[in-house]
Amino acid sequence: VSFEIEPDPEIGMEVSTVSVLEDVGIVDVFVTRSVNIIGPCSIRYQVLSSNATTAQDGVNFVAAAGTIQFQSQETSKSVSIAVMSEAGYSAEDITFTVVL
């Protein structure tokens, strides 16, 4: 008897940093799948703020969570994040986290 063990898919963010203007409204963050792309798979995501970030949920962005579903041979999906504009201009960078 012989068999082959297929490696797990590798899933990650396409880029680690995305910069947008506050008034953009929506920013799409891309998640990629590589190595084993045969068969469906899924991964949970969460968009949040923390002690290490400067953005505030409900002020700078809308927190979100969900599941990304990859079909067989799909290698890229996007997560849309709602970005909110504060009153007035802010020159400082605002950061939040997307966790897979």
N, C-alpha and C. Protein backbone atom coordinates (compact mmCIF):
# COMPACT_ATOMS: atom_id res chain seq x y z
N VAL A 1 0.85 -1.16 0.00
CA VAL A 1 0.00 0.00 0.00
C VAL A 1 0.90 1.22 0.00
N SER A 2 0.59 2.16 -0.88
CA SER A 2 1.31 3.43 -0.87
C SER A 2 0.31 4.57 -0.89
N PHE A 3 0.68 5.64 -0.28
CA PHE A 3 -0.17 6.83 -0.27
C PHE A 3 0.70 8.06 -0.18
N GLU A 4 0.12 9.15 -0.57
CA GLU A 4 0.84 10.43 -0.53
C GLU A 4 0.07 11.39 0.35
N ILE A 5 0.76 12.04 1.25
CA ILE A 5 0.13 13.02 2.13
C ILE A 5 0.25 14.38 1.45
N GLU A 6 -0.89 15.00 1.22
CA GLU A 6 -0.92 16.32 0.60
C GLU A 6 -0.62 17.38 1.66
N PRO A 7 0.21 18.36 1.34
CA PRO A 7 0.47 19.44 2.31
C PRO A 7 -0.76 20.33 2.47
N ASP A 8 -0.87 20.94 3.64
CA ASP A 8 -1.95 21.90 3.87
C ASP A 8 -1.75 23.12 3.00
N PRO A 9 -2.84 23.77 2.60
CA PRO A 9 -2.69 25.03 1.86
C PRO A 9 -2.02 26.09 2.75
N GLU A 10 -1.28 26.97 2.13
CA GLU A 10 -0.72 28.12 2.85
C GLU A 10 -1.58 29.32 2.50
N ILE A 11 -2.08 30.00 3.52
CA ILE A 11 -2.97 31.15 3.33
C ILE A 11 -2.36 32.33 4.05
N GLY A 12 -2.31 33.48 3.38
CA GLY A 12 -1.74 34.67 4.00
C GLY A 12 -2.20 35.93 3.31
N MET A 13 -1.76 37.04 3.83
CA MET A 13 -2.11 38.34 3.26
C MET A 13 -1.22 38.60 2.06
N GLU A 14 -1.79 39.19 1.01
CA GLU A 14 -1.00 39.52 -0.18
C GLU A 14 0.07 40.55 0.15
N VAL A 15 -0.27 41.56 0.94
CA VAL A 15 0.68 42.57 1.41
C VAL A 15 0.46 42.78 2.90
N SER A 16 1.48 43.28 3.59
CA SER A 16 1.33 43.47 5.03
C SER A 16 0.84 44.86 5.40
N THR A 17 0.96 45.82 4.48
CA THR A 17 0.53 47.19 4.76
C THR A 17 -0.23 47.75 3.56
N VAL A 18 -1.35 48.39 3.84
CA VAL A 18 -2.13 49.06 2.80
C VAL A 18 -2.36 50.49 3.28
N SER A 19 -2.10 51.46 2.43
CA SER A 19 -2.32 52.87 2.77
C SER A 19 -3.44 53.42 1.90
N VAL A 20 -4.40 54.08 2.54
CA VAL A 20 -5.51 54.70 1.82
C VAL A 20 -5.87 56.02 2.50
N LEU A 21 -6.56 56.88 1.77
CA LEU A 21 -7.10 58.10 2.36
C LEU A 21 -8.35 57.76 3.15
N GLU A 22 -8.62 58.55 4.19
CA GLU A 22 -9.78 58.29 5.05
C GLU A 22 -11.09 58.29 4.29
N ASP A 23 -11.20 59.12 3.25
CA ASP A 23 -12.48 59.25 2.56
C ASP A 23 -12.69 58.20 1.47
N VAL A 24 -11.83 57.17 1.42
CA VAL A 24 -11.96 56.13 0.40
C VAL A 24 -13.24 55.32 0.58
N GLY A 25 -13.71 55.18 1.81
CA GLY A 25 -14.95 54.45 2.07
C GLY A 25 -14.72 52.97 2.30
N ILE A 26 -14.18 52.28 1.31
CA ILE A 26 -13.93 50.83 1.41
C ILE A 26 -12.51 50.54 0.93
N VAL A 27 -11.81 49.69 1.66
CA VAL A 27 -10.51 49.21 1.20
C VAL A 27 -10.58 47.69 1.12
N ASP A 28 -10.08 47.14 0.01
CA ASP A 28 -10.04 45.70 -0.17
C ASP A 28 -8.66 45.18 0.19
N VAL A 29 -8.62 44.19 1.06
CA VAL A 29 -7.39 43.53 1.46
C VAL A 29 -7.43 42.12 0.85
N PHE A 30 -6.36 41.73 0.16
CA PHE A 30 -6.37 40.46 -0.55
C PHE A 30 -5.67 39.37 0.25
N VAL A 31 -6.31 38.21 0.26
CA VAL A 31 -5.82 37.01 0.94
C VAL A 31 -5.49 35.99 -0.15
N THR A 32 -4.30 35.38 -0.05
CA THR A 32 -3.89 34.44 -1.09
C THR A 32 -3.74 33.02 -0.51
N ARG A 33 -3.91 32.08 -1.40
CA ARG A 33 -3.79 30.66 -1.06
C ARG A 33 -2.76 30.05 -2.00
N SER A 34 -1.82 29.28 -1.45
CA SER A 34 -0.80 28.65 -2.29
C SER A 34 -0.49 27.24 -1.78
N VAL A 35 0.47 26.61 -2.37
CA VAL A 35 0.93 25.24 -2.12
C VAL A 35 -0.14 24.26 -2.61
N ASN A 36 -1.04 23.81 -1.77
CA ASN A 36 -2.07 22.86 -2.18
C ASN A 36 -3.36 23.62 -2.46
N ILE A 37 -3.69 23.81 -3.74
CA ILE A 37 -4.90 24.57 -4.09
C ILE A 37 -6.02 23.66 -4.59
N ILE A 38 -5.82 22.36 -4.51
CA ILE A 38 -6.85 21.41 -4.94
C ILE A 38 -7.83 21.18 -3.79
N GLY A 39 -9.09 21.30 -4.09
CA GLY A 39 -10.13 21.12 -3.08
C GLY A 39 -10.46 22.43 -2.38
N PRO A 40 -11.64 22.52 -1.82
CA PRO A 40 -12.04 23.73 -1.12
C PRO A 40 -11.37 23.85 0.25
N CYS A 41 -11.26 25.06 0.75
CA CYS A 41 -10.81 25.29 2.11
C CYS A 41 -11.34 26.64 2.57
N SER A 42 -11.28 26.88 3.84
CA SER A 42 -11.77 28.15 4.38
C SER A 42 -10.87 28.61 5.51
N ILE A 43 -10.95 29.91 5.79
CA ILE A 43 -10.19 30.49 6.90
C ILE A 43 -11.02 31.64 7.49
N ARG A 44 -10.98 31.76 8.79
CA ARG A 44 -11.69 32.86 9.45
C ARG A 44 -10.81 34.09 9.49
N TYR A 45 -11.43 35.27 9.43
CA TYR A 45 -10.70 36.52 9.54
C TYR A 45 -11.40 37.44 10.54
N GLN A 46 -10.64 38.39 11.05
CA GLN A 46 -11.19 39.40 11.95
C GLN A 46 -10.45 40.71 11.72
N VAL A 47 -11.21 41.80 11.65
CA VAL A 47 -10.65 43.15 11.52
C VAL A 47 -10.89 43.83 12.86
N LEU A 48 -9.80 44.30 13.49
CA LEU A 48 -9.94 44.82 14.85
C LEU A 48 -8.88 45.85 15.19
N SER A 49 -9.09 46.50 16.31
CA SER A 49 -8.08 47.39 16.86
C SER A 49 -7.55 46.73 18.13
N SER A 50 -6.37 47.17 18.56
CA SER A 50 -5.76 46.60 19.76
C SER A 50 -4.87 47.66 20.39
N ASN A 51 -4.17 47.29 21.43
CA ASN A 51 -3.23 48.22 22.07
C ASN A 51 -2.08 48.59 21.13
N ALA A 52 -1.82 47.75 20.13
CA ALA A 52 -0.72 48.00 19.19
C ALA A 52 -1.16 48.81 17.97
N THR A 53 -2.44 49.15 17.87
CA THR A 53 -2.93 49.90 16.72
C THR A 53 -3.44 51.27 17.15
N THR A 54 -3.58 52.17 16.19
CA THR A 54 -4.03 53.54 16.51
C THR A 54 -5.47 53.81 16.12
N ALA A 55 -6.07 52.97 15.31
CA ALA A 55 -7.46 53.19 14.87
C ALA A 55 -8.43 52.72 15.94
N GLN A 56 -9.61 53.33 15.94
CA GLN A 56 -10.66 52.94 16.87
C GLN A 56 -11.85 52.42 16.07
N ASP A 57 -12.34 51.25 16.48
CA ASP A 57 -13.52 50.67 15.87
C ASP A 57 -14.69 51.64 16.05
N GLY A 58 -15.41 51.89 14.98
CA GLY A 58 -16.55 52.78 15.03
C GLY A 58 -16.20 54.24 14.81
N VAL A 59 -14.91 54.57 14.86
CA VAL A 59 -14.44 55.93 14.61
C VAL A 59 -13.65 55.99 13.31
N ASN A 60 -12.69 55.07 13.14
CA ASN A 60 -11.82 55.05 11.96
C ASN A 60 -12.15 53.93 10.98
N PHE A 61 -12.76 52.86 11.45
CA PHE A 61 -13.11 51.72 10.60
C PHE A 61 -14.23 50.95 11.28
N VAL A 62 -14.83 50.03 10.54
CA VAL A 62 -15.89 49.18 11.08
C VAL A 62 -15.30 47.79 11.30
N ALA A 63 -15.27 47.35 12.55
CA ALA A 63 -14.76 46.02 12.86
C ALA A 63 -15.62 44.98 12.16
N ALA A 64 -14.98 43.89 11.75
CA ALA A 64 -15.70 42.84 11.03
C ALA A 64 -15.05 41.50 11.29
N ALA A 65 -15.81 40.45 11.06
CA ALA A 65 -15.30 39.08 11.16
C ALA A 65 -16.10 38.22 10.21
N GLY A 66 -15.49 37.14 9.76
CA GLY A 66 -16.20 36.25 8.86
C GLY A 66 -15.32 35.10 8.43
N THR A 67 -15.78 34.40 7.42
CA THR A 67 -15.05 33.26 6.88
C THR A 67 -14.83 33.47 5.39
N ILE A 68 -13.61 33.25 4.95
CA ILE A 68 -13.28 33.32 3.53
C ILE A 68 -13.32 31.88 3.00
N GLN A 69 -14.10 31.66 1.96
CA GLN A 69 -14.24 30.33 1.36
C GLN A 69 -13.48 30.29 0.04
N PHE A 70 -12.50 29.42 -0.06
CA PHE A 70 -11.79 29.19 -1.32
C PHE A 70 -12.35 27.93 -1.97
N GLN A 71 -12.71 28.02 -3.23
CA GLN A 71 -13.09 26.84 -4.00
C GLN A 71 -11.83 26.18 -4.55
N SER A 72 -11.94 24.98 -5.06
CA SER A 72 -10.80 24.28 -5.62
C SER A 72 -10.12 25.14 -6.69
N GLN A 73 -8.83 25.29 -6.59
CA GLN A 73 -7.96 26.03 -7.50
C GLN A 73 -8.11 27.55 -7.42
N GLU A 74 -8.89 28.07 -6.50
CA GLU A 74 -8.94 29.52 -6.27
C GLU A 74 -7.71 29.92 -5.46
N THR A 75 -7.06 31.01 -5.85
CA THR A 75 -5.84 31.41 -5.16
C THR A 75 -5.91 32.80 -4.53
N SER A 76 -6.98 33.55 -4.75
CA SER A 76 -7.05 34.90 -4.20
C SER A 76 -8.50 35.27 -3.89
N LYS A 77 -8.70 35.90 -2.75
CA LYS A 77 -9.99 36.43 -2.33
C LYS A 77 -9.74 37.78 -1.67
N SER A 78 -10.78 38.59 -1.59
CA SER A 78 -10.61 39.88 -0.92
C SER A 78 -11.58 40.02 0.24
N VAL A 79 -11.17 40.81 1.21
CA VAL A 79 -12.00 41.19 2.35
C VAL A 79 -12.17 42.70 2.24
N SER A 80 -13.42 43.16 2.22
CA SER A 80 -13.70 44.60 2.14
C SER A 80 -13.85 45.16 3.55
N ILE A 81 -13.10 46.24 3.82
CA ILE A 81 -13.11 46.87 5.13
C ILE A 81 -13.62 48.30 4.97
N ALA A 82 -14.63 48.64 5.75
CA ALA A 82 -15.19 50.00 5.71
C ALA A 82 -14.29 50.93 6.52
N VAL A 83 -13.79 51.98 5.85
CA VAL A 83 -12.93 52.98 6.47
C VAL A 83 -13.77 54.24 6.66
N MET A 84 -13.73 54.81 7.85
CA MET A 84 -14.55 55.98 8.17
C MET A 84 -13.69 57.24 8.21
N SER A 85 -14.27 58.33 7.76
CA SER A 85 -13.58 59.61 7.74
C SER A 85 -13.93 60.41 8.99
N GLU A 86 -12.92 60.84 9.70
CA GLU A 86 -13.13 61.70 10.87
C GLU A 86 -13.40 63.13 10.39
N ALA A 87 -14.00 63.92 11.23
CA ALA A 87 -14.19 65.33 10.90
C ALA A 87 -12.84 66.02 10.88
N GLY A 88 -12.52 66.71 9.81
CA GLY A 88 -11.24 67.40 9.70
C GLY A 88 -10.15 66.49 9.18
N TYR A 89 -8.99 67.06 8.95
CA TYR A 89 -7.85 66.33 8.40
C TYR A 89 -6.96 65.83 9.52
N SER A 90 -6.49 64.62 9.39
CA SER A 90 -5.55 64.05 10.36
C SER A 90 -4.30 63.60 9.60
N ALA A 91 -3.16 64.14 9.96
CA ALA A 91 -1.92 63.82 9.26
C ALA A 91 -1.29 62.53 9.75
N GLU A 92 -1.70 62.05 10.92
CA GLU A 92 -1.09 60.84 11.45
C GLU A 92 -1.67 59.59 10.80
N ASP A 93 -0.83 58.57 10.71
CA ASP A 93 -1.27 57.28 10.18
C ASP A 93 -2.18 56.60 11.20
N ILE A 94 -3.24 56.01 10.70
CA ILE A 94 -4.16 55.26 11.56
C ILE A 94 -4.01 53.79 11.16
N THR A 95 -3.84 52.92 12.14
CA THR A 95 -3.62 51.50 11.84
C THR A 95 -4.66 50.62 12.53
N PHE A 96 -4.99 49.52 11.87
CA PHE A 96 -5.81 48.48 12.48
C PHE A 96 -5.26 47.14 11.99
N THR A 97 -5.77 46.08 12.52
CA THR A 97 -5.22 44.75 12.26
C THR A 97 -6.24 43.85 11.57
N VAL A 98 -5.75 43.06 10.59
CA VAL A 98 -6.55 41.99 10.00
C VAL A 98 -5.89 40.69 10.41
N VAL A 99 -6.63 39.87 11.12
CA VAL A 99 -6.10 38.60 11.65
C VAL A 99 -6.72 37.45 10.87
N LEU A 100 -5.89 36.52 10.43
CA LEU A 100 -6.38 35.29 9.79
C LEU A 100 -6.25 34.16 10.77
